[in-house]
Amino acid sequence: MDLVGSVDPFCVIEFDGQEQKTKVQKGYAPHWDEEHWFKVQDAANAVGDLRVSPPFMEAEAMLQFRDVVVLFMEAVLLFMEAVLPFMEAMLKLMQAMLPFMEAVLKFRDAMLLSMQAMRLFMDAMVLFTAAFYGGGATI
């Protein structure tokens, strides 16, 4: 209140080192219908970090903030419940693919051995041909 009896109330909201100020309201019964956004590092422990000045506004703000955190946590829970079946299906698919991938690796190894054997056979054929025809051959 100033010297002539008028009031222009506002609140200062502090959260986790961040500070925001509400708009100034006119009159003796102010009502703020504003949203203020803060970055939340740890939602599970965030409720205790909210501070509002003047202090008489803090209890109402804490209740509203708690409700927002609860809604957020419920949304996370619903998301996790929706994602869980997908993740379980992916796990089963990966488990089913594991024997196939192991077989592919064994096939690859067998192909590499086969190619090495083919290379040795070709080298032997070159040497044999050179020796048969009497020429000198090198590999």
C-alpha atoms as a PDB file:
ATOM      1  CA  MET A   1       0.000   0.000   0.000  1.00  0.00           C
ATOM      2  CA  ASP A   2       1.322   3.442  -0.812  1.00  0.00           C
ATOM      3  CA  LEU A   3       0.780   6.733   1.066  1.00  0.00           C
ATOM      4  CA  VAL A   4      -2.661   7.383  -0.458  1.00  0.00           C
ATOM      5  CA  GLY A   5      -3.980   3.877   0.337  1.00  0.00           C
ATOM      6  CA  SER A   6      -3.807   2.239  -3.108  1.00  0.00           C
ATOM      7  CA  VAL A   7      -2.358  -1.229  -3.603  1.00  0.00           C
ATOM      8  CA  ASP A   8      -0.699  -2.803  -6.599  1.00  0.00           C
ATOM      9  CA  PRO A   9       0.101  -6.362  -5.430  1.00  0.00           C
ATOM     10  CA  PHE A  10       2.233  -8.880  -7.267  1.00  0.00           C
ATOM     11  CA  CYS A  11       3.989 -12.119  -6.340  1.00  0.00           C
ATOM     12  CA  VAL A  12       7.560 -13.225  -6.858  1.00  0.00           C
ATOM     13  CA  ILE A  13       7.886 -16.937  -7.551  1.00  0.00           C
ATOM     14  CA  GLU A  14      11.218 -18.675  -7.019  1.00  0.00           C
ATOM     15  CA  PHE A  15      11.951 -22.229  -8.053  1.00  0.00           C
ATOM     16  CA  ASP A  16      15.287 -24.016  -8.194  1.00  0.00           C
ATOM     17  CA  GLY A  17      17.277 -20.784  -8.568  1.00  0.00           C
ATOM     18  CA  GLN A  18      14.842 -19.378 -11.144  1.00  0.00           C
ATOM     19  CA  GLU A  19      12.699 -16.338 -10.377  1.00  0.00           C
ATOM     20  CA  GLN A  20       9.573 -14.981 -12.077  1.00  0.00           C
ATOM     21  CA  LYS A  21       7.197 -12.169 -11.177  1.00  0.00           C
ATOM     22  CA  THR A  22       3.437 -12.092 -11.683  1.00  0.00           C
ATOM     23  CA  LYS A  23       1.673  -9.197 -13.313  1.00  0.00           C
ATOM     24  CA  VAL A  24       0.674  -6.363 -10.996  1.00  0.00           C
ATOM     25  CA  GLN A  25      -3.008  -6.519 -10.008  1.00  0.00           C
ATOM     26  CA  LYS A  26      -5.206  -3.636  -8.907  1.00  0.00           C
ATOM     27  CA  GLY A  27      -7.294  -3.641  -5.748  1.00  0.00           C
ATOM     28  CA  TYR A  28      -7.403  -5.268  -2.334  1.00  0.00           C
ATOM     29  CA  ALA A  29      -8.435  -8.785  -3.434  1.00  0.00           C
ATOM     30  CA  PRO A  30      -6.012  -9.702  -6.208  1.00  0.00           C
ATOM     31  CA  HIS A  31      -6.449 -12.865  -8.228  1.00  0.00           C
ATOM     32  CA  TRP A  32      -3.765 -14.147 -10.537  1.00  0.00           C
ATOM     33  CA  ASP A  33      -4.706 -16.562 -13.269  1.00  0.00           C
ATOM     34  CA  GLU A  34      -1.266 -16.913 -14.790  1.00  0.00           C
ATOM     35  CA  GLU A  35       0.987 -19.754 -15.799  1.00  0.00           C
ATOM     36  CA  HIS A  36       4.671 -19.636 -14.995  1.00  0.00           C
ATOM     37  CA  TRP A  37       7.009 -22.239 -16.456  1.00  0.00           C
ATOM     38  CA  PHE A  38      10.213 -23.409 -14.818  1.00  0.00           C
ATOM     39  CA  LYS A  39      12.783 -26.005 -15.811  1.00  0.00           C
ATOM     40  CA  VAL A  40      12.447 -29.048 -13.534  1.00  0.00           C
ATOM     41  CA  GLN A  41      15.583 -31.112 -12.968  1.00  0.00           C
ATOM     42  CA  ASP A  42      14.106 -33.649 -10.508  1.00  0.00           C
ATOM     43  CA  ALA A  43      10.292 -33.805 -10.591  1.00  0.00           C
ATOM     44  CA  ALA A  44      10.076 -36.232  -7.660  1.00  0.00           C
ATOM     45  CA  ASN A  45      11.734 -33.740  -5.292  1.00  0.00           C
ATOM     46  CA  ALA A  46      10.605 -30.478  -6.905  1.00  0.00           C
ATOM     47  CA  VAL A  47       7.589 -29.674  -4.712  1.00  0.00           C
ATOM     48  CA  GLY A  48       9.673 -28.538  -1.745  1.00  0.00           C
ATOM     49  CA  ASP A  49      11.682 -26.098  -3.845  1.00  0.00           C
ATOM     50  CA  LEU A  50       8.876 -23.631  -4.690  1.00  0.00           C
ATOM     51  CA  ARG A  51       8.916 -20.242  -2.939  1.00  0.00           C
ATOM     52  CA  VAL A  52       6.345 -17.473  -3.350  1.00  0.00           C
ATOM     53  CA  SER A  53       6.478 -13.942  -1.961  1.00  0.00           C
ATOM     54  CA  PRO A  54       4.451 -12.601  -0.245  1.00  0.00           C
ATOM     55  CA  PRO A  55       4.369 -15.716   2.009  1.00  0.00           C
ATOM     56  CA  PHE A  56       0.564 -15.817   2.393  1.00  0.00           C
ATOM     57  CA  MET A  57       0.341 -16.830  -1.296  1.00  0.00           C
ATOM     58  CA  GLU A  58       2.815 -19.703  -0.917  1.00  0.00           C
ATOM     59  CA  ALA A  59       0.384 -22.334   0.428  1.00  0.00           C
ATOM     60  CA  GLU A  60      -2.030 -21.939  -2.511  1.00  0.00           C
ATOM     61  CA  ALA A  61       0.810 -21.935  -5.008  1.00  0.00           C
ATOM     62  CA  MET A  62       2.332 -25.053  -3.400  1.00  0.00           C
ATOM     63  CA  LEU A  63      -0.976 -26.914  -3.690  1.00  0.00           C
ATOM     64  CA  GLN A  64      -1.353 -25.935  -7.337  1.00  0.00           C
ATOM     65  CA  PHE A  65       2.278 -26.800  -8.045  1.00  0.00           C
ATOM     66  CA  ARG A  66       1.889 -30.156  -6.306  1.00  0.00           C
ATOM     67  CA  ASP A  67      -1.168 -30.865  -8.451  1.00  0.00           C
ATOM     68  CA  VAL A  68       0.828 -30.073 -11.601  1.00  0.00           C
ATOM     69  CA  VAL A  69       3.655 -32.371 -10.498  1.00  0.00           C
ATOM     70  CA  VAL A  70       1.156 -35.144  -9.713  1.00  0.00           C
ATOM     71  CA  LEU A  71      -0.438 -34.735 -13.154  1.00  0.00           C
ATOM     72  CA  PHE A  72       3.002 -34.823 -14.742  1.00  0.00           C
ATOM     73  CA  MET A  73       3.957 -37.992 -12.861  1.00  0.00           C
ATOM     74  CA  GLU A  74       0.618 -39.602 -13.807  1.00  0.00           C
ATOM     75  CA  ALA A  75       1.272 -38.727 -17.455  1.00  0.00           C
ATOM     76  CA  VAL A  76       4.733 -40.293 -17.221  1.00  0.00           C
ATOM     77  CA  LEU A  77       3.211 -43.409 -15.659  1.00  0.00           C
ATOM     78  CA  LEU A  78       0.590 -43.677 -18.409  1.00  0.00           C
ATOM     79  CA  PHE A  79       3.293 -43.251 -21.031  1.00  0.00           C
ATOM     80  CA  MET A  80       5.409 -45.956 -19.412  1.00  0.00           C
ATOM     81  CA  GLU A  81       2.404 -48.287 -19.224  1.00  0.00           C
ATOM     82  CA  ALA A  82       1.747 -47.669 -22.927  1.00  0.00           C
ATOM     83  CA  VAL A  83       5.398 -48.214 -23.880  1.00  0.00           C
ATOM     84  CA  LEU A  84       5.914 -51.327 -21.738  1.00  0.00           C
ATOM     85  CA  PRO A  85       4.040 -53.760 -24.054  1.00  0.00           C
ATOM     86  CA  PHE A  86       5.966 -52.403 -27.028  1.00  0.00           C
ATOM     87  CA  MET A  87       9.272 -52.848 -25.202  1.00  0.00           C
ATOM     88  CA  GLU A  88       8.305 -56.396 -24.156  1.00  0.00           C
ATOM     89  CA  ALA A  89       7.423 -57.217 -27.777  1.00  0.00           C
ATOM     90  CA  MET A  90      10.741 -55.787 -28.946  1.00  0.00           C
ATOM     91  CA  LEU A  91      12.581 -57.893 -26.377  1.00  0.00           C
ATOM     92  CA  LYS A  92      10.803 -61.055 -27.559  1.00  0.00           C
ATOM     93  CA  LEU A  93      11.604 -60.171 -31.165  1.00  0.00           C
ATOM     94  CA  MET A  94      15.275 -59.616 -30.316  1.00  0.00           C
ATOM     95  CA  GLN A  95      15.366 -62.922 -28.421  1.00  0.00           C
ATOM     96  CA  ALA A  96      13.781 -64.675 -31.411  1.00  0.00           C
ATOM     97  CA  MET A  97      16.287 -63.045 -33.775  1.00  0.00           C
ATOM     98  CA  LEU A  98      19.320 -64.051 -31.699  1.00  0.00           C
ATOM     99  CA  PRO A  99      19.553 -67.664 -33.011  1.00  0.00           C
ATOM    100  CA  PHE A 100      19.098 -66.372 -36.568  1.00  0.00           C
ATOM    101  CA  MET A 101      21.882 -63.808 -36.115  1.00  0.00           C
ATOM    102  CA  GLU A 102      24.144 -66.473 -34.625  1.00  0.00           C
ATOM    103  CA  ALA A 103      23.419 -68.673 -37.656  1.00  0.00           C
ATOM    104  CA  VAL A 104      24.226 -65.757 -39.978  1.00  0.00           C
ATOM    105  CA  LEU A 105      27.570 -65.264 -38.218  1.00  0.00           C
ATOM    106  CA  LYS A 106      28.368 -68.977 -38.501  1.00  0.00           C
ATOM    107  CA  PHE A 107      27.439 -68.876 -42.192  1.00  0.00           C
ATOM    108  CA  ARG A 108      29.698 -65.868 -42.675  1.00  0.00           C
ATOM    109  CA  ASP A 109      32.564 -67.673 -40.957  1.00  0.00           C
ATOM    110  CA  ALA A 110      31.969 -70.760 -43.117  1.00  0.00           C
ATOM    111  CA  MET A 111      31.956 -68.596 -46.258  1.00  0.00           C
ATOM    112  CA  LEU A 112      35.250 -66.976 -45.232  1.00  0.00           C
ATOM    113  CA  LEU A 113      36.819 -70.410 -44.670  1.00  0.00           C
ATOM    114  CA  SER A 114      35.432 -71.584 -48.003  1.00  0.00           C
ATOM    115  CA  MET A 115      36.918 -68.551 -49.765  1.00  0.00           C
ATOM    116  CA  GLN A 116      40.283 -69.145 -48.101  1.00  0.00           C
ATOM    117  CA  ALA A 117      40.177 -72.805 -49.177  1.00  0.00           C
ATOM    118  CA  MET A 118      39.270 -71.713 -52.721  1.00  0.00           C
ATOM    119  CA  ARG A 119      42.213 -69.305 -52.719  1.00  0.00           C
ATOM    120  CA  LEU A 120      44.595 -72.070 -51.589  1.00  0.00           C
ATOM    121  CA  PHE A 121      43.179 -74.416 -54.248  1.00  0.00           C
ATOM    122  CA  MET A 122      43.680 -71.785 -56.967  1.00  0.00           C
ATOM    123  CA  ASP A 123      47.255 -71.176 -55.793  1.00  0.00           C
ATOM    124  CA  ALA A 124      47.901 -74.932 -55.896  1.00  0.00           C
ATOM    125  CA  MET A 125      46.447 -75.125 -59.426  1.00  0.00           C
ATOM    126  CA  VAL A 126      48.753 -72.343 -60.612  1.00  0.00           C
ATOM    127  CA  LEU A 127      51.782 -74.134 -59.136  1.00  0.00           C
ATOM    128  CA  PHE A 128      50.685 -77.488 -60.543  1.00  0.00           C
ATOM    129  CA  THR A 129      50.092 -76.023 -64.004  1.00  0.00           C
ATOM    130  CA  ALA A 130      53.468 -74.300 -63.958  1.00  0.00           C
ATOM    131  CA  ALA A 131      55.226 -77.471 -62.850  1.00  0.00           C
ATOM    132  CA  PHE A 132      53.375 -79.639 -65.407  1.00  0.00           C
ATOM    133  CA  TYR A 133      54.249 -77.409 -68.313  1.00  0.00           C
ATOM    134  CA  GLY A 134      57.770 -76.849 -67.077  1.00  0.00           C
ATOM    135  CA  GLY A 135      57.593 -73.133 -66.486  1.00  0.00           C
ATOM    136  CA  GLY A 136      58.406 -71.271 -63.346  1.00  0.00           C
ATOM    137  CA  ALA A 137      55.428 -69.812 -61.619  1.00  0.00           C
ATOM    138  CA  THR A 138      55.240 -67.667 -58.511  1.00  0.00           C
ATOM    139  CA  ILE A 139      52.260 -66.793 -56.460  1.00  0.00           C
END
